Amino acid sequence: MDMDSASERLNGRGPCLRPKSSSTTESFKRVGILVLAVVLTLACLVAIGFLVKIYLDHHYLFCKQPLKLVPLKQVCDGQLDCLQGEDEANCPRWVPEGPPASARVSKDRSILQVLQSHTQTWSCVCHDHFTPALARAACEQMGYSSTPAFQGVEASARQPLPPREVALSNGSLQVLEPGSKRGDEGRQRRCGDEAPRRREPPFALSPVSPADCGQSVRTPRVLGGSPAAIEAWPWQVSLQYRKEHICGGSIIGPGWVLTAAHCFTNNPIVQSWRVKAGSDLLSGAATIAVEKVFLAEVTPASPKDNDIALVKLRSPVHYSDSTKPICLPYFDEELAPGTPLWVVGWGYTEERGKLSERLQQAEVELIDKRSCNLAAYHGDVTDRMLCAGLPQGGVDTCQGDSGGPLLYSGGHWQVVGIVSWGQGCGTPSTPGVYTSVRAYLDWIYAVRRSEL
């Protein structure tokens, strides 16, 4: 090595490597900080926009033409605020009570009864000449689209109504009086005339067979309740508005849920509702869209009456061990005070508490209306309501349980009541008040019949 060159390098004057300029590093830092600031700003704007959207969705409806926001309190009020009527479209429908259905099923062995139109009297149906077409017409009167199986049963003292033959007239069932002419035979005959030596039994029919409704896999034995498996109460659903649980409800058919009308008071936009079935947990699991909501029309004279609603699903539920329908009560099912009943729901487990993530069940008993009114409600409990609870309190429905079922097991499970209102949660002498489903059977039949 050249000694002069080595000397120069040792003295710092030769061609040695020098540190890279710091200007490039500083440039990268400045660009990085700028990019990070932009990203954070955009994230903040997105978050703010999301929060603003949530706020607007919870308080306003957006009109497409003209472009404006309508307060939710003005939605579904009967007044058009949007030029294209978005604020009054897809609203719950108020349905008044109409005339009674012309067919019904008795508690006595599910015997079919038909109303005679001109006398407004009821008769049970004779087995003679009863056909699938007549069965289908009877079921349609009660809002069922299926044709059930049927069989004759022996008449007994428990069935005081006289058996009569029926015929179809303009698609409706008509009772034939003894001695009247059948249009298809052109001769006079009475029920059972072809068998004068035996008494022809009246006709028994159940529009939904016991195998199809009110069946559950019970688990061993709400406020004061215990966790429940959905297989024990497979008709129980959660009604959710914008993904938030609002009320309970009961499956009464593949496309129908029974619940309370007051659930929709502050939540009127039908397309924002979903139904969650087949799970005992509030979180997770798929939900089903709602197509229509029907509310019983309220009368000013009884503002707490008519707390009943029917929800029509956009697609039917598929029955399984965890998803089954509950039976409607018989029109003549009379329950005595003290009858054991069950309540189920995800409502508060204590007053001023929070929703239960897991479905709860509790046993209560029917309380007579007179005692219920005297103890707490001063006459507000009408003949179209039921009271249920325990005299000592501690077991009751609470906030979040509204719309859920009050259940009675009479061979198969029936929804006899709908959680409606009450004072407090589980306090002594103030039992829960329920809509009596039996009082609204004709309304239920009429709504479902209108959608066949």
Foldseek 3Di string as FASTA:
>chain_A
DPPVQVVCVVVVNHPDDDDDDCPVVVVVVVVVVVVVVVVVVVVVVVVVVVVVVVVLVLFWDAAVVPGDTHGLVPACPPDAPHPVRPSNPQWAAADEFDDFQQWFFAPVQRFIWGAAPPVRDIATEFPPPDDQLNQCLRVLSLLDRDRFDWDFDADDPVHPGHHFHWDADPSHIHTDDQQDDDPVPRGGHTRCRVPVPDDGGGIHDDSADLVFAQDADADPAAALWAFDWLRNVLQWKFKDFQLHGAEIWGAADQFKTKFFQVSCVSPTNQQRIWIAGLGQFSDDDDTFGWDHKYFHDADPVQRQARGMMMTTTPGTDDDDSNHGGHHADGLPDDDDWFAKKKAKFQAANFFVHGTHRGITMDIKTWDDPVLLCVQPNVPSQDPQKTFIGHQQFRHAHDGSHGTTFTWHDDVGIHRQWTQGDWPGGRHHSITTMTGGSSVCSSVSSVVSSVVD
